[in-house]
């Protein structure tokens, strides 16, 4: 895609709706290990 908004959604849907991008998080991170599920995605990753 050429659309950044679509791109960010695709990244979420590929990996369980989980992100480590602080700009997308709803809570303050507990530490460098922190991540959030912000959508319902799937395990569509490739090896």
ModelCIF file with pLDDT and N, C-alpha, C, O atoms, coordinates in Angstrom:
data_MODEL
#
_entry.id   MODEL 
#
_entity.id                         1 
_entity.type                       polymer 
_entity.pdbx_number_of_molecules   1 
#
_entity_poly.entity_id                      1 
_entity_poly.type                           'polypeptide(L)' 
_entity_poly.nstd_linkage                   no 
_entity_poly.nstd_monomer                   no 
_entity_poly.pdbx_seq_one_letter_code       
;(UNK)(UNK)(UNK)(UNK)(UNK)(UNK)(UNK)(UNK)(UNK)(UNK)(UNK)(UNK)(UNK)(UNK)(UNK)(UNK)
(UNK)(UNK)(UNK)(UNK)(UNK)(UNK)(UNK)(UNK)(UNK)(UNK)(UNK)(UNK)(UNK)(UNK)(UNK)(UNK)
(UNK)(UNK)(UNK)(UNK)(UNK)(UNK)(UNK)(UNK)(UNK)(UNK)(UNK)(UNK)(UNK)(UNK)(UNK)
;
_entity_poly.pdbx_seq_one_letter_code_can   XXXXXXXXXXXXXXXXXXXXXXXXXXXXXXXXXXXXXXXXXXXXXXX 
_entity_poly.pdbx_strand_id                 A 
#
loop_
_entity_poly_seq.entity_id 
_entity_poly_seq.num 
_entity_poly_seq.mon_id 
_entity_poly_seq.hetero 
1 1  UNK n 
1 2  UNK n 
1 3  UNK n 
1 4  UNK n 
1 5  UNK n 
1 6  UNK n 
1 7  UNK n 
1 8  UNK n 
1 9  UNK n 
1 10 UNK n 
1 11 UNK n 
1 12 UNK n 
1 13 UNK n 
1 14 UNK n 
1 15 UNK n 
1 16 UNK n 
1 17 UNK n 
1 18 UNK n 
1 19 UNK n 
1 20 UNK n 
1 21 UNK n 
1 22 UNK n 
1 23 UNK n 
1 24 UNK n 
1 25 UNK n 
1 26 UNK n 
1 27 UNK n 
1 28 UNK n 
1 29 UNK n 
1 30 UNK n 
1 31 UNK n 
1 32 UNK n 
1 33 UNK n 
1 34 UNK n 
1 35 UNK n 
1 36 UNK n 
1 37 UNK n 
1 38 UNK n 
1 39 UNK n 
1 40 UNK n 
1 41 UNK n 
1 42 UNK n 
1 43 UNK n 
1 44 UNK n 
1 45 UNK n 
1 46 UNK n 
1 47 UNK n 
#
_struct_asym.id          A 
_struct_asym.entity_id   1 
#
loop_
_ma_qa_metric.id 
_ma_qa_metric.mode 
_ma_qa_metric.name 
_ma_qa_metric.software_group_id 
_ma_qa_metric.type 
1 global pLDDT . pLDDT 
2 local  pLDDT . pLDDT 
#
_ma_qa_metric_global.metric_id      1 
_ma_qa_metric_global.metric_value   96.47 
_ma_qa_metric_global.model_id       1 
_ma_qa_metric_global.ordinal_id     1 
#
loop_
_ma_qa_metric_local.label_asym_id 
_ma_qa_metric_local.label_comp_id 
_ma_qa_metric_local.label_seq_id 
_ma_qa_metric_local.metric_id 
_ma_qa_metric_local.metric_value 
_ma_qa_metric_local.model_id 
_ma_qa_metric_local.ordinal_id 
A UNK 1  2 98.00 1 1  
A UNK 2  2 98.00 1 2  
A UNK 3  2 98.00 1 3  
A UNK 4  2 98.00 1 4  
A UNK 5  2 97.00 1 5  
A UNK 6  2 98.00 1 6  
A UNK 7  2 98.00 1 7  
A UNK 8  2 97.00 1 8  
A UNK 9  2 98.00 1 9  
A UNK 10 2 98.00 1 10 
A UNK 11 2 98.00 1 11 
A UNK 12 2 97.00 1 12 
A UNK 13 2 98.00 1 13 
A UNK 14 2 98.00 1 14 
A UNK 15 2 97.00 1 15 
A UNK 16 2 97.00 1 16 
A UNK 17 2 97.00 1 17 
A UNK 18 2 97.00 1 18 
A UNK 19 2 96.00 1 19 
A UNK 20 2 94.00 1 20 
A UNK 21 2 93.00 1 21 
A UNK 22 2 93.00 1 22 
A UNK 23 2 92.00 1 23 
A UNK 24 2 93.00 1 24 
A UNK 25 2 94.00 1 25 
A UNK 26 2 95.00 1 26 
A UNK 27 2 97.00 1 27 
A UNK 28 2 95.00 1 28 
A UNK 29 2 96.00 1 29 
A UNK 30 2 93.00 1 30 
A UNK 31 2 95.00 1 31 
A UNK 32 2 94.00 1 32 
A UNK 33 2 96.00 1 33 
A UNK 34 2 97.00 1 34 
A UNK 35 2 97.00 1 35 
A UNK 36 2 97.00 1 36 
A UNK 37 2 97.00 1 37 
A UNK 38 2 96.00 1 38 
A UNK 39 2 96.00 1 39 
A UNK 40 2 96.00 1 40 
A UNK 41 2 97.00 1 41 
A UNK 42 2 98.00 1 42 
A UNK 43 2 98.00 1 43 
A UNK 44 2 98.00 1 44 
A UNK 45 2 98.00 1 45 
A UNK 46 2 98.00 1 46 
A UNK 47 2 98.00 1 47 
#
loop_
_atom_site.group_PDB 
_atom_site.id 
_atom_site.type_symbol 
_atom_site.label_atom_id 
_atom_site.label_alt_id 
_atom_site.label_comp_id 
_atom_site.label_asym_id 
_atom_site.label_entity_id 
_atom_site.label_seq_id 
_atom_site.pdbx_PDB_ins_code 
_atom_site.Cartn_x 
_atom_site.Cartn_y 
_atom_site.Cartn_z 
_atom_site.occupancy 
_atom_site.B_iso_or_equiv 
_atom_site.pdbx_formal_charge 
_atom_site.auth_seq_id 
_atom_site.auth_comp_id 
_atom_site.auth_asym_id 
_atom_site.auth_atom_id 
_atom_site.pdbx_PDB_model_num 
ATOM 1   N N  . UNK A 1 1  ? 0.841  -1.195  0.000  1.00 98.00 ? 1  UNK A N  1 
ATOM 2   C CA . UNK A 1 1  ? 0.000  0.000   0.000  1.00 98.00 ? 1  UNK A CA 1 
ATOM 3   C C  . UNK A 1 1  ? 0.875  1.243   0.000  1.00 98.00 ? 1  UNK A C  1 
ATOM 4   O O  . UNK A 1 1  ? 2.052  1.191   0.357  1.00 98.00 ? 1  UNK A O  1 
ATOM 5   N N  . UNK A 1 2  ? 0.288  2.353   -0.402 1.00 98.00 ? 2  UNK A N  1 
ATOM 6   C CA . UNK A 1 2  ? 0.958  3.657   -0.298 1.00 98.00 ? 2  UNK A CA 1 
ATOM 7   C C  . UNK A 1 2  ? 0.401  4.488   0.847  1.00 98.00 ? 2  UNK A C  1 
ATOM 8   O O  . UNK A 1 2  ? 0.829  5.622   1.060  1.00 98.00 ? 2  UNK A O  1 
ATOM 9   N N  . UNK A 1 3  ? -0.548 3.930   1.582  1.00 98.00 ? 3  UNK A N  1 
ATOM 10  C CA . UNK A 1 3  ? -1.269 4.650   2.634  1.00 98.00 ? 3  UNK A CA 1 
ATOM 11  C C  . UNK A 1 3  ? -0.720 4.259   4.005  1.00 98.00 ? 3  UNK A C  1 
ATOM 12  O O  . UNK A 1 3  ? -0.812 3.097   4.403  1.00 98.00 ? 3  UNK A O  1 
ATOM 13  N N  . UNK A 1 4  ? -0.154 5.219   4.722  1.00 98.00 ? 4  UNK A N  1 
ATOM 14  C CA . UNK A 1 4  ? 0.465  4.919   6.017  1.00 98.00 ? 4  UNK A CA 1 
ATOM 15  C C  . UNK A 1 4  ? -0.556 4.440   7.040  1.00 98.00 ? 4  UNK A C  1 
ATOM 16  O O  . UNK A 1 4  ? -0.244 3.581   7.863  1.00 98.00 ? 4  UNK A O  1 
ATOM 17  N N  . UNK A 1 5  ? -1.763 4.977   7.002  1.00 97.00 ? 5  UNK A N  1 
ATOM 18  C CA . UNK A 1 5  ? -2.793 4.564   7.948  1.00 97.00 ? 5  UNK A CA 1 
ATOM 19  C C  . UNK A 1 5  ? -3.152 3.094   7.746  1.00 97.00 ? 5  UNK A C  1 
ATOM 20  O O  . UNK A 1 5  ? -3.264 2.333   8.708  1.00 97.00 ? 5  UNK A O  1 
ATOM 21  N N  . UNK A 1 6  ? -3.332 2.705   6.486  1.00 98.00 ? 6  UNK A N  1 
ATOM 22  C CA . UNK A 1 6  ? -3.604 1.302   6.184  1.00 98.00 ? 6  UNK A CA 1 
ATOM 23  C C  . UNK A 1 6  ? -2.430 0.424   6.598  1.00 98.00 ? 6  UNK A C  1 
ATOM 24  O O  . UNK A 1 6  ? -2.625 -0.668  7.132  1.00 98.00 ? 6  UNK A O  1 
ATOM 25  N N  . UNK A 1 7  ? -1.229 0.892   6.355  1.00 98.00 ? 7  UNK A N  1 
ATOM 26  C CA . UNK A 1 7  ? -0.018 0.143   6.707  1.00 98.00 ? 7  UNK A CA 1 
ATOM 27  C C  . UNK A 1 7  ? 0.027  -0.174  8.202  1.00 98.00 ? 7  UNK A C  1 
ATOM 28  O O  . UNK A 1 7  ? 0.320  -1.304  8.593  1.00 98.00 ? 7  UNK A O  1 
ATOM 29  N N  . UNK A 1 8  ? -0.259 0.809   9.020  1.00 97.00 ? 8  UNK A N  1 
ATOM 30  C CA . UNK A 1 8  ? -0.219 0.591   10.473 1.00 97.00 ? 8  UNK A CA 1 
ATOM 31  C C  . UNK A 1 8  ? -1.292 -0.401  10.918 1.00 97.00 ? 8  UNK A C  1 
ATOM 32  O O  . UNK A 1 8  ? -1.073 -1.185  11.841 1.00 97.00 ? 8  UNK A O  1 
ATOM 33  N N  . UNK A 1 9  ? -2.433 -0.366  10.270 1.00 98.00 ? 9  UNK A N  1 
ATOM 34  C CA . UNK A 1 9  ? -3.473 -1.340  10.585 1.00 98.00 ? 9  UNK A CA 1 
ATOM 35  C C  . UNK A 1 9  ? -3.041 -2.745  10.192 1.00 98.00 ? 9  UNK A C  1 
ATOM 36  O O  . UNK A 1 9  ? -3.267 -3.702  10.932 1.00 98.00 ? 9  UNK A O  1 
ATOM 37  N N  . UNK A 1 10 ? -2.424 -2.864  9.034  1.00 98.00 ? 10 UNK A N  1 
ATOM 38  C CA . UNK A 1 10 ? -1.968 -4.164  8.561  1.00 98.00 ? 10 UNK A CA 1 
ATOM 39  C C  . UNK A 1 10 ? -0.944 -4.775  9.505  1.00 98.00 ? 10 UNK A C  1 
ATOM 40  O O  . UNK A 1 10 ? -0.968 -5.980  9.758  1.00 98.00 ? 10 UNK A O  1 
ATOM 41  N N  . UNK A 1 11 ? -0.054 -3.956  10.019 1.00 98.00 ? 11 UNK A N  1 
ATOM 42  C CA . UNK A 1 11 ? 0.932  -4.449  10.982 1.00 98.00 ? 11 UNK A CA 1 
ATOM 43  C C  . UNK A 1 11 ? 0.255  -5.019  12.219 1.00 98.00 ? 11 UNK A C  1 
ATOM 44  O O  . UNK A 1 11 ? 0.672  -6.053  12.741 1.00 98.00 ? 11 UNK A O  1 
ATOM 45  N N  . UNK A 1 12 ? -0.783 -4.347  12.685 1.00 97.00 ? 12 UNK A N  1 
ATOM 46  C CA . UNK A 1 12 ? -1.520 -4.824  13.862 1.00 97.00 ? 12 UNK A CA 1 
ATOM 47  C C  . UNK A 1 12 ? -2.232 -6.142  13.566 1.00 97.00 ? 12 UNK A C  1 
ATOM 48  O O  . UNK A 1 12 ? -2.161 -7.082  14.357 1.00 97.00 ? 12 UNK A O  1 
ATOM 49  N N  . UNK A 1 13 ? -2.911 -6.206  12.436 1.00 98.00 ? 13 UNK A N  1 
ATOM 50  C CA . UNK A 1 13 ? -3.718 -7.386  12.143 1.00 98.00 ? 13 UNK A CA 1 
ATOM 51  C C  . UNK A 1 13 ? -2.853 -8.620  11.878 1.00 98.00 ? 13 UNK A C  1 
ATOM 52  O O  . UNK A 1 13 ? -3.314 -9.749  12.043 1.00 98.00 ? 13 UNK A O  1 
ATOM 53  N N  . UNK A 1 14 ? -1.605 -8.404  11.470 1.00 98.00 ? 14 UNK A N  1 
ATOM 54  C CA . UNK A 1 14 ? -0.695 -9.530  11.242 1.00 98.00 ? 14 UNK A CA 1 
ATOM 55  C C  . UNK A 1 14 ? -0.279 -10.197 12.554 1.00 98.00 ? 14 UNK A C  1 
ATOM 56  O O  . UNK A 1 14 ? 0.001  -11.396 12.574 1.00 98.00 ? 14 UNK A O  1 
ATOM 57  N N  . UNK A 1 15 ? -0.236 -9.448  13.625 1.00 97.00 ? 15 UNK A N  1 
ATOM 58  C CA . UNK A 1 15 ? 0.371  -9.940  14.865 1.00 97.00 ? 15 UNK A CA 1 
ATOM 59  C C  . UNK A 1 15 ? -0.527 -9.678  16.067 1.00 97.00 ? 15 UNK A C  1 
ATOM 60  O O  . UNK A 1 15 ? -0.158 -8.937  16.978 1.00 97.00 ? 15 UNK A O  1 
ATOM 61  N N  . UNK A 1 16 ? -1.718 -10.294 16.063 1.00 97.00 ? 16 UNK A N  1 
ATOM 62  C CA . UNK A 1 16 ? -2.598 -10.340 17.228 1.00 97.00 ? 16 UNK A CA 1 
ATOM 63  C C  . UNK A 1 16 ? -3.195 -8.999  17.631 1.00 97.00 ? 16 UNK A C  1 
ATOM 64  O O  . UNK A 1 16 ? -3.880 -8.925  18.651 1.00 97.00 ? 16 UNK A O  1 
ATOM 65  N N  . UNK A 1 17 ? -2.960 -7.938  16.867 1.00 97.00 ? 17 UNK A N  1 
ATOM 66  C CA . UNK A 1 17 ? -3.389 -6.612  17.287 1.00 97.00 ? 17 UNK A CA 1 
ATOM 67  C C  . UNK A 1 17 ? -2.501 -6.035  18.365 1.00 97.00 ? 17 UNK A C  1 
ATOM 68  O O  . UNK A 1 17 ? -2.894 -5.115  19.082 1.00 97.00 ? 17 UNK A O  1 
ATOM 69  N N  . UNK A 1 18 ? -1.287 -6.583  18.479 1.00 97.00 ? 18 UNK A N  1 
ATOM 70  C CA . UNK A 1 18 ? -0.342 -6.167  19.527 1.00 97.00 ? 18 UNK A CA 1 
ATOM 71  C C  . UNK A 1 18 ? 0.667  -5.178  18.959 1.00 97.00 ? 18 UNK A C  1 
ATOM 72  O O  . UNK A 1 18 ? 1.138  -5.323  17.831 1.00 97.00 ? 18 UNK A O  1 
ATOM 73  N N  . UNK A 1 19 ? 0.988  -4.167  19.767 1.00 96.00 ? 19 UNK A N  1 
ATOM 74  C CA . UNK A 1 19 ? 1.954  -3.153  19.348 1.00 96.00 ? 19 UNK A CA 1 
ATOM 75  C C  . UNK A 1 19 ? 2.940  -2.825  20.466 1.00 96.00 ? 19 UNK A C  1 
ATOM 76  O O  . UNK A 1 19 ? 2.620  -2.924  21.651 1.00 96.00 ? 19 UNK A O  1 
ATOM 77  N N  . UNK A 1 20 ? 4.129  -2.438  20.066 1.00 94.00 ? 20 UNK A N  1 
ATOM 78  C CA . UNK A 1 20 ? 5.122  -1.851  20.984 1.00 94.00 ? 20 UNK A CA 1 
ATOM 79  C C  . UNK A 1 20 ? 5.346  -0.374  20.668 1.00 94.00 ? 20 UNK A C  1 
ATOM 80  O O  . UNK A 1 20 ? 6.224  0.263   21.250 1.00 94.00 ? 20 UNK A O  1 
ATOM 81  N N  . UNK A 1 21 ? 4.556  0.161   19.754 1.00 93.00 ? 21 UNK A N  1 
ATOM 82  C CA . UNK A 1 21 ? 4.650  1.570   19.366 1.00 93.00 ? 21 UNK A CA 1 
ATOM 83  C C  . UNK A 1 21 ? 3.952  2.416   20.424 1.00 93.00 ? 21 UNK A C  1 
ATOM 84  O O  . UNK A 1 21 ? 2.728  2.375   20.547 1.00 93.00 ? 21 UNK A O  1 
ATOM 85  N N  . UNK A 1 22 ? 4.730  3.187   21.190 1.00 93.00 ? 22 UNK A N  1 
ATOM 86  C CA . UNK A 1 22 ? 4.171  3.971   22.299 1.00 93.00 ? 22 UNK A CA 1 
ATOM 87  C C  . UNK A 1 22 ? 3.142  4.986   21.826 1.00 93.00 ? 22 UNK A C  1 
ATOM 88  O O  . UNK A 1 22 ? 2.231  5.341   22.574 1.00 93.00 ? 22 UNK A O  1 
ATOM 89  N N  . UNK A 1 23 ? 3.279  5.453   20.598 1.00 92.00 ? 23 UNK A N  1 
ATOM 90  C CA . UNK A 1 23 ? 2.329  6.450   20.103 1.00 92.00 ? 23 UNK A CA 1 
ATOM 91  C C  . UNK A 1 23 ? 0.932  5.865   19.922 1.00 92.00 ? 23 UNK A C  1 
ATOM 92  O O  . UNK A 1 23 ? -0.045 6.608   19.836 1.00 92.00 ? 23 UNK A O  1 
ATOM 93  N N  . UNK A 1 24 ? 0.833  4.539   19.865 1.00 93.00 ? 24 UNK A N  1 
ATOM 94  C CA . UNK A 1 24 ? -0.458 3.876   19.697 1.00 93.00 ? 24 UNK A CA 1 
ATOM 95  C C  . UNK A 1 24 ? -1.034 3.349   21.005 1.00 93.00 ? 24 UNK A C  1 
ATOM 96  O O  . UNK A 1 24 ? -2.182 2.906   21.044 1.00 93.00 ? 24 UNK A O  1 
ATOM 97  N N  . UNK A 1 25 ? -0.246 3.395   22.074 1.00 94.00 ? 25 UNK A N  1 
ATOM 98  C CA . UNK A 1 25 ? -0.669 2.793   23.338 1.00 94.00 ? 25 UNK A CA 1 
ATOM 99  C C  . UNK A 1 25 ? -1.660 3.670   24.094 1.00 94.00 ? 25 UNK A C  1 
ATOM 100 O O  . UNK A 1 25 ? -1.673 4.892   23.947 1.00 94.00 ? 25 UNK A O  1 
ATOM 101 N N  . UNK A 1 26 ? -2.483 3.022   24.899 1.00 95.00 ? 26 UNK A N  1 
ATOM 102 C CA . UNK A 1 26 ? -3.483 3.728   25.695 1.00 95.00 ? 26 UNK A CA 1 
ATOM 103 C C  . UNK A 1 26 ? -3.047 3.917   27.147 1.00 95.00 ? 26 UNK A C  1 
ATOM 104 O O  . UNK A 1 26 ? -3.628 4.725   27.872 1.00 95.00 ? 26 UNK A O  1 
ATOM 105 N N  . UNK A 1 27 ? -2.024 3.172   27.570 1.00 97.00 ? 27 UNK A N  1 
ATOM 106 C CA . UNK A 1 27 ? -1.532 3.272   28.940 1.00 97.00 ? 27 UNK A CA 1 
ATOM 107 C C  . UNK A 1 27 ? -0.041 3.588   28.934 1.00 97.00 ? 27 UNK A C  1 
ATOM 108 O O  . UNK A 1 27 ? 0.650  3.389   27.935 1.00 97.00 ? 27 UNK A O  1 
ATOM 109 N N  . UNK A 1 28 ? 0.436  4.085   30.070 1.00 95.00 ? 28 UNK A N  1 
ATOM 110 C CA . UNK A 1 28 ? 1.854  4.380   30.235 1.00 95.00 ? 28 UNK A CA 1 
ATOM 111 C C  . UNK A 1 28 ? 2.624  3.061   30.323 1.00 95.00 ? 28 UNK A C  1 
ATOM 112 O O  . UNK A 1 28 ? 2.259  2.193   31.115 1.00 95.00 ? 28 UNK A O  1 
ATOM 113 N N  . UNK A 1 29 ? 3.685  2.895   29.519 1.00 96.00 ? 29 UNK A N  1 
ATOM 114 C CA . UNK A 1 29 ? 4.456  1.649   29.570 1.00 96.00 ? 29 UNK A CA 1 
ATOM 115 C C  . UNK A 1 29 ? 5.078  1.422   30.945 1.00 96.00 ? 29 UNK A C  1 
ATOM 116 O O  . UNK A 1 29 ? 5.535  2.360   31.600 1.00 96.00 ? 29 UNK A O  1 
ATOM 117 N N  . UNK A 1 30 ? 5.086  0.156   31.369 1.00 93.00 ? 30 UNK A N  1 
ATOM 118 C CA . UNK A 1 30 ? 5.728  -0.212  32.627 1.00 93.00 ? 30 UNK A CA 1 
ATOM 119 C C  . UNK A 1 30 ? 7.239  -0.278  32.485 1.00 93.00 ? 30 UNK A C  1 
ATOM 120 O O  . UNK A 1 30 ? 7.962  -0.105  33.467 1.00 93.00 ? 30 UNK A O  1 
ATOM 121 N N  . UNK A 1 31 ? 7.721  -0.525  31.280 1.00 95.00 ? 31 UNK A N  1 
ATOM 122 C CA . UNK A 1 31 ? 9.150  -0.667  31.035 1.00 95.00 ? 31 UNK A CA 1 
ATOM 123 C C  . UNK A 1 31 ? 9.389  -1.016  29.587 1.00 95.00 ? 31 UNK A C  1 
ATOM 124 O O  . UNK A 1 31 ? 8.461  -1.014  28.778 1.00 95.00 ? 31 UNK A O  1 
ATOM 125 N N  . UNK A 1 32 ? 10.636 -1.317  29.255 1.00 94.00 ? 32 UNK A N  1 
ATOM 126 C CA . UNK A 1 32 ? 11.001 -1.584  27.865 1.00 94.00 ? 32 UNK A CA 1 
ATOM 127 C C  . UNK A 1 32 ? 10.367 -2.857  27.324 1.00 94.00 ? 32 UNK A C  1 
ATOM 128 O O  . UNK A 1 32 ? 10.287 -3.044  26.110 1.00 94.00 ? 32 UNK A O  1 
ATOM 129 N N  . UNK A 1 33 ? 9.916  -3.738  28.221 1.00 96.00 ? 33 UNK A N  1 
ATOM 130 C CA . UNK A 1 33 ? 9.270  -4.989  27.796 1.00 96.00 ? 33 UNK A CA 1 
ATOM 131 C C  . UNK A 1 33 ? 7.803  -4.814  27.411 1.00 96.00 ? 33 UNK A C  1 
ATOM 132 O O  . UNK A 1 33 ? 7.191  -5.725  26.852 1.00 96.00 ? 33 UNK A O  1 
ATOM 133 N N  . UNK A 1 34 ? 7.249  -3.663  27.705 1.00 97.00 ? 34 UNK A N  1 
ATOM 134 C CA . UNK A 1 34 ? 5.803  -3.459  27.673 1.00 97.00 ? 34 UNK A CA 1 
ATOM 135 C C  . UNK A 1 34 ? 5.252  -3.459  26.247 1.00 97.00 ? 34 UNK A C  1 
ATOM 136 O O  . UNK A 1 34 ? 5.887  -2.949  25.324 1.00 97.00 ? 34 UNK A O  1 
ATOM 137 N N  . UNK A 1 35 ? 4.083  -4.030  26.086 1.00 97.00 ? 35 UNK A N  1 
ATOM 138 C CA . UNK A 1 35 ? 3.344  -3.980  24.827 1.00 97.00 ? 35 UNK A CA 1 
ATOM 139 C C  . UNK A 1 35 ? 1.861  -4.018  25.149 1.00 97.00 ? 35 UNK A C  1 
ATOM 140 O O  . UNK A 1 35 ? 1.464  -4.382  26.255 1.00 97.00 ? 35 UNK A O  1 
ATOM 141 N N  . UNK A 1 36 ? 1.040  -3.636  24.165 1.00 97.00 ? 36 UNK A N  1 
ATOM 142 C CA . UNK A 1 36 ? -0.410 -3.648  24.353 1.00 97.00 ? 36 UNK A CA 1 
ATOM 143 C C  . UNK A 1 36 ? -1.101 -4.308  23.173 1.00 97.00 ? 36 UNK A C  1 
ATOM 144 O O  . UNK A 1 36 ? -0.643 -4.214  22.035 1.00 97.00 ? 36 UNK A O  1 
ATOM 145 N N  . UNK A 1 37 ? -2.203 -4.973  23.459 1.00 97.00 ? 37 UNK A N  1 
ATOM 146 C CA . UNK A 1 37 ? -3.114 -5.400  22.396 1.00 97.00 ? 37 UNK A CA 1 
ATOM 147 C C  . UNK A 1 37 ? -4.178 -4.313  22.284 1.00 97.00 ? 37 UNK A C  1 
ATOM 148 O O  . UNK A 1 37 ? -4.927 -4.051  23.225 1.00 97.00 ? 37 UNK A O  1 
ATOM 149 N N  . UNK A 1 38 ? -4.224 -3.693  21.118 1.00 96.00 ? 38 UNK A N  1 
ATOM 150 C CA . UNK A 1 38 ? -5.163 -2.579  20.928 1.00 96.00 ? 38 UNK A CA 1 
ATOM 151 C C  . UNK A 1 38 ? -6.215 -2.886  19.866 1.00 96.00 ? 38 UNK A C  1 
ATOM 152 O O  . UNK A 1 38 ? -7.096 -2.067  19.604 1.00 96.00 ? 38 UNK A O  1 
ATOM 153 N N  . UNK A 1 39 ? -6.123 -4.069  19.253 1.00 96.00 ? 39 UNK A N  1 
ATOM 154 C CA . UNK A 1 39 ? -7.107 -4.511  18.257 1.00 96.00 ? 39 UNK A CA 1 
ATOM 155 C C  . UNK A 1 39 ? -7.137 -6.029  18.287 1.00 96.00 ? 39 UNK A C  1 
ATOM 156 O O  . UNK A 1 39 ? -6.272 -6.665  18.891 1.00 96.00 ? 39 UNK A O  1 
ATOM 157 N N  . UNK A 1 40 ? -8.128 -6.602  17.637 1.00 96.00 ? 40 UNK A N  1 
ATOM 158 C CA . UNK A 1 40 ? -8.188 -8.054  17.517 1.00 96.00 ? 40 UNK A CA 1 
ATOM 159 C C  . UNK A 1 40 ? -7.544 -8.449  16.192 1.00 96.00 ? 40 UNK A C  1 
ATOM 160 O O  . UNK A 1 40 ? -8.116 -8.277  15.115 1.00 96.00 ? 40 UNK A O  1 
ATOM 161 N N  . UNK A 1 41 ? -6.336 -8.984  16.316 1.00 97.00 ? 41 UNK A N  1 
ATOM 162 C CA . UNK A 1 41 ? -5.613 -9.423  15.126 1.00 97.00 ? 41 UNK A CA 1 
ATOM 163 C C  . UNK A 1 41 ? -5.434 -10.923 15.133 1.00 97.00 ? 41 UNK A C  1 
ATOM 164 O O  . UNK A 1 41 ? -6.105 -11.636 15.879 1.00 97.00 ? 41 UNK A O  1 
ATOM 165 N N  . UNK A 1 42 ? -4.526 -11.399 14.299 1.00 98.00 ? 42 UNK A N  1 
ATOM 166 C CA . UNK A 1 42 ? -4.313 -12.830 14.113 1.00 98.00 ? 42 UNK A CA 1 
ATOM 167 C C  . UNK A 1 42 ? -2.823 -13.128 14.092 1.00 98.00 ? 42 UNK A C  1 
ATOM 168 O O  . UNK A 1 42 ? -2.008 -12.217 13.952 1.00 98.00 ? 42 UNK A O  1 
ATOM 169 N N  . UNK A 1 43 ? -2.466 -14.388 14.228 1.00 98.00 ? 43 UNK A N  1 
ATOM 170 C CA . UNK A 1 43 ? -1.073 -14.769 14.030 1.00 98.00 ? 43 UNK A CA 1 
ATOM 171 C C  . UNK A 1 43 ? -0.887 -15.097 12.555 1.00 98.00 ? 43 UNK A C  1 
ATOM 172 O O  . UNK A 1 43 ? -0.945 -16.259 12.152 1.00 98.00 ? 43 UNK A O  1 
ATOM 173 N N  . UNK A 1 44 ? -0.663 -14.060 11.758 1.00 98.00 ? 44 UNK A N  1 
ATOM 174 C CA . UNK A 1 44 ? -0.477 -14.201 10.319 1.00 98.00 ? 44 UNK A CA 1 
ATOM 175 C C  . UNK A 1 44 ? 0.979  -13.941 9.927  1.00 98.00 ? 44 UNK A C  1 
ATOM 176 O O  . UNK A 1 44 ? 1.263  -13.537 8.800  1.00 98.00 ? 44 UNK A O  1 
ATOM 177 N N  . UNK A 1 45 ? 1.901  -14.177 10.873 1.00 98.00 ? 45 UNK A N  1 
ATOM 178 C CA . UNK A 1 45 ? 3.304  -13.895 10.594 1.00 98.00 ? 45 UNK A CA 1 
ATOM 179 C C  . UNK A 1 45 ? 3.904  -14.941 9.655  1.00 98.00 ? 45 UNK A C  1 
ATOM 180 O O  . UNK A 1 45 ? 3.392  -16.053 9.530  1.00 98.00 ? 45 UNK A O  1 
ATOM 181 N N  . UNK A 1 46 ? 4.984  -14.564 9.010  1.00 98.00 ? 46 UNK A N  1 
ATOM 182 C CA . UNK A 1 46 ? 5.749  -15.441 8.135  1.00 98.00 ? 46 UNK A CA 1 
ATOM 183 C C  . UNK A 1 46 ? 7.118  -15.657 8.782  1.00 98.00 ? 46 UNK A C  1 
ATOM 184 O O  . UNK A 1 46 ? 7.598  -14.792 9.513  1.00 98.00 ? 46 UNK A O  1 
ATOM 185 N N  . UNK A 1 47 ? 7.742  -16.794 8.522  1.00 98.00 ? 47 UNK A N  1 
ATOM 186 C CA . UNK A 1 47 ? 9.048  -17.077 9.116  1.00 98.00 ? 47 UNK A CA 1 
ATOM 187 C C  . UNK A 1 47 ? 10.173 -16.437 8.302  1.00 98.00 ? 47 UNK A C  1 
ATOM 188 O O  . UNK A 1 47 ? 11.345 -16.571 8.656  1.00 98.00 ? 47 UNK A O  1 
#
